[in-house]
N, C-alpha and C. Protein backbone atom coordinates (compact mmCIF):
# COMPACT_ATOMS: atom_id res chain seq x y z
N MET A 1 94.67 86.30 100.54
CA MET A 1 94.90 88.41 100.28
C MET A 1 94.34 89.20 100.92
N TYR A 2 94.80 90.15 101.39
CA TYR A 2 93.88 91.13 102.22
C TYR A 2 93.84 92.36 101.26
N ARG A 3 93.44 93.39 101.27
CA ARG A 3 92.87 94.16 100.57
C ARG A 3 92.39 95.12 101.51
N TYR A 4 93.48 97.02 101.89
CA TYR A 4 93.30 97.71 102.78
C TYR A 4 93.40 99.09 102.37
N LEU A 5 92.21 100.07 102.35
CA LEU A 5 92.18 101.25 102.01
C LEU A 5 93.14 102.59 103.00
N LEU A 6 94.45 102.16 102.06
CA LEU A 6 95.44 103.06 103.18
C LEU A 6 95.46 104.42 103.34
N THR A 7 95.54 105.39 103.91
CA THR A 7 95.43 106.94 104.49
C THR A 7 96.47 107.23 104.71
N PHE A 8 97.41 108.05 104.13
CA PHE A 8 98.25 108.71 104.81
C PHE A 8 98.93 109.87 104.45
N THR A 9 99.58 110.93 104.52
CA THR A 9 99.94 112.11 104.60
C THR A 9 101.49 111.91 104.00
N HIS A 10 102.06 112.47 103.33
CA HIS A 10 103.47 112.64 102.76
C HIS A 10 103.86 114.14 102.12
N THR A 11 104.68 114.60 102.28
CA THR A 11 105.66 115.51 101.68
C THR A 11 105.90 115.95 100.24
N THR A 12 105.41 116.83 99.00
CA THR A 12 105.70 116.80 97.95
C THR A 12 105.73 118.39 98.00
N ASN A 13 107.03 118.49 97.07
CA ASN A 13 106.68 120.20 97.09
C ASN A 13 107.25 121.22 98.05
N GLY A 14 107.44 120.42 99.41
CA GLY A 14 107.60 121.30 100.47
C GLY A 14 105.79 121.54 101.12
N SER A 15 104.56 121.11 100.69
CA SER A 15 103.99 120.88 100.61
C SER A 15 102.99 119.50 101.09
N THR A 16 102.35 119.43 102.07
CA THR A 16 101.71 117.93 103.12
C THR A 16 100.39 117.47 102.35
N GLU A 17 100.69 116.73 101.61
CA GLU A 17 99.75 116.09 100.91
C GLU A 17 98.64 115.33 101.15
N MET A 18 97.33 114.62 101.48
CA MET A 18 96.96 113.52 101.56
C MET A 18 96.65 112.52 100.14
N THR A 19 96.31 111.41 101.00
CA THR A 19 96.86 110.08 100.04
C THR A 19 96.31 108.80 100.10
N GLY A 20 94.89 108.10 99.39
CA GLY A 20 94.29 106.93 100.29
C GLY A 20 94.50 105.87 98.58
N ILE A 21 95.41 104.83 98.96
CA ILE A 21 95.67 104.16 98.37
C ILE A 21 94.90 102.62 98.93
N ASP A 22 94.82 101.87 97.43
CA ASP A 22 94.24 100.36 97.65
C ASP A 22 95.64 99.40 97.94
N PHE A 23 95.94 98.63 99.35
CA PHE A 23 96.88 98.64 99.15
C PHE A 23 96.54 96.85 99.71
N PRO A 24 97.13 96.05 98.59
CA PRO A 24 96.59 94.41 99.04
C PRO A 24 98.38 93.90 99.45
N THR A 25 97.59 93.12 100.79
CA THR A 25 99.23 92.42 101.26
C THR A 25 98.64 91.26 101.31
N ALA A 26 99.57 90.36 101.20
CA ALA A 26 99.01 88.46 101.96
C ALA A 26 99.34 88.43 103.77
N ARG A 27 99.80 89.66 105.08
CA ARG A 27 99.33 89.44 105.02
C ARG A 27 98.65 90.48 106.71
N PRO A 28 97.81 90.73 107.17
CA PRO A 28 97.01 91.36 108.13
C PRO A 28 97.37 92.55 108.30
N ILE A 29 97.29 93.41 108.52
CA ILE A 29 97.85 94.78 109.79
C ILE A 29 96.84 94.53 110.69
N SER A 30 97.43 94.12 111.80
CA SER A 30 96.64 93.99 112.77
C SER A 30 97.29 95.03 114.16
N SER A 31 98.25 95.76 114.01
CA SER A 31 98.13 96.87 114.61
C SER A 31 99.44 97.72 114.47
N ALA A 32 100.41 98.69 115.21
CA ALA A 32 100.58 99.90 114.90
C ALA A 32 101.75 99.11 114.68
N LYS A 33 102.22 98.25 115.41
CA LYS A 33 103.88 97.48 115.01
C LYS A 33 103.47 96.95 113.46
N ASP A 34 102.54 96.69 112.61
CA ASP A 34 103.06 96.56 110.89
C ASP A 34 103.45 97.85 110.41
N LEU A 35 103.27 98.80 110.97
CA LEU A 35 102.64 100.35 109.97
C LEU A 35 104.47 100.67 110.03
N PRO A 36 105.74 100.66 110.69
CA PRO A 36 106.79 100.83 110.18
C PRO A 36 107.35 100.62 108.70
N ALA A 37 106.73 98.82 108.72
CA ALA A 37 106.93 98.23 107.29
C ALA A 37 106.53 98.55 106.18
N ILE A 38 105.59 98.95 106.09
CA ILE A 38 104.71 99.61 105.14
C ILE A 38 105.04 101.10 105.23
N THR A 39 105.12 101.44 106.30
CA THR A 39 106.37 103.19 105.75
C THR A 39 107.20 103.16 104.74
N LEU A 40 108.02 102.12 105.41
CA LEU A 40 108.99 102.03 104.57
C LEU A 40 108.83 101.54 103.27
N LEU A 41 108.05 101.24 102.87
CA LEU A 41 107.51 100.45 101.43
C LEU A 41 107.03 101.61 100.80
N LEU A 42 106.55 102.48 101.44
CA LEU A 42 106.01 103.86 100.88
C LEU A 42 106.84 104.70 100.36
N ARG A 43 108.25 104.56 101.84
CA ARG A 43 109.51 105.67 100.73
C ARG A 43 110.19 104.94 99.49
N SER A 44 109.92 103.70 99.55
CA SER A 44 110.54 103.00 98.49
C SER A 44 109.83 103.41 97.01
N GLN A 45 108.35 103.18 97.36
CA GLN A 45 107.43 103.89 96.26
C GLN A 45 108.00 105.30 96.01
N GLY A 46 108.55 105.95 96.83
CA GLY A 46 108.61 107.27 96.07
C GLY A 46 107.53 108.53 96.95
N TYR A 47 106.97 108.21 98.21
CA TYR A 47 106.57 109.03 98.90
C TYR A 47 107.64 109.93 99.76
N THR A 48 107.50 111.01 100.12
CA THR A 48 108.98 111.53 101.21
C THR A 48 107.98 111.62 102.20
N GLU A 49 108.50 111.41 103.51
CA GLU A 49 107.71 111.18 104.88
C GLU A 49 106.20 110.85 104.90
N PRO A 50 106.59 109.69 104.63
CA PRO A 50 105.04 109.33 104.61
C PRO A 50 104.31 108.70 106.19
N PHE A 51 103.70 109.22 106.68
CA PHE A 51 102.58 108.98 108.15
C PHE A 51 101.56 108.06 107.42
N ILE A 52 101.18 107.24 108.23
CA ILE A 52 100.19 106.70 108.13
C ILE A 52 98.67 107.04 109.17
N ILE A 53 97.67 107.43 108.50
CA ILE A 53 96.56 108.07 109.37
C ILE A 53 96.31 106.56 110.12
N ALA A 54 95.27 105.76 108.81
CA ALA A 54 94.33 105.12 109.31
C ALA A 54 94.62 104.05 107.69
N PHE A 55 93.96 102.44 108.46
CA PHE A 55 93.55 102.00 107.68
C PHE A 55 92.85 101.17 107.51
N SER A 56 91.85 100.25 107.19
CA SER A 56 91.05 99.71 106.59
C SER A 56 90.25 98.62 106.14
N LEU A 57 89.87 97.35 106.37
CA LEU A 57 90.04 96.12 105.83
C LEU A 57 89.04 96.76 105.05
N PHE A 58 89.26 96.23 103.19
CA PHE A 58 88.14 95.77 102.05
C PHE A 58 87.72 94.90 101.70
N THR A 59 88.35 93.66 101.84
CA THR A 59 88.21 92.85 101.56
C THR A 59 88.84 91.80 102.12
N PRO A 60 88.06 91.00 103.37
CA PRO A 60 88.65 89.76 104.21
C PRO A 60 89.01 88.97 103.55
N ALA A 61 89.88 87.74 103.72
CA ALA A 61 90.94 87.07 103.17
C ALA A 61 90.25 86.20 103.20
N PRO A 62 89.77 85.03 102.10
CA PRO A 62 88.77 83.91 101.72
C PRO A 62 89.52 83.13 102.59
N THR A 63 88.06 82.36 103.56
CA THR A 63 88.67 81.27 104.28
C THR A 63 88.61 80.05 103.37
N SER A 64 89.16 79.09 103.78
CA SER A 64 89.49 77.52 103.50
C SER A 64 87.77 77.10 102.83
N GLN A 65 87.17 77.25 103.45
CA GLN A 65 85.83 77.03 102.82
C GLN A 65 85.78 77.48 101.77
N ALA A 66 84.72 79.04 102.31
CA ALA A 66 85.04 79.76 101.02
C ALA A 66 85.79 79.72 99.69
N ALA A 67 87.24 79.38 99.67
CA ALA A 67 88.37 78.64 98.30
C ALA A 67 88.20 77.45 97.77
N GLN A 68 86.95 76.75 98.34
CA GLN A 68 86.70 75.72 97.49
C GLN A 68 85.63 75.33 96.09
């Protein structure tokens, strides 16, 4: 499991707000090509017009050695 700090803007009551969330995912975010799927997920969670500004890895996925 990967954990990211995901920072994005969204519209609430006609104004733009910035939000940062703890975003867990089974797959790493490796490029901008991964962002449209995350944007759709944010929309499905009720965020209006989300625009991802940045993402930063909190915790790397454990290696097979570390998991033993």
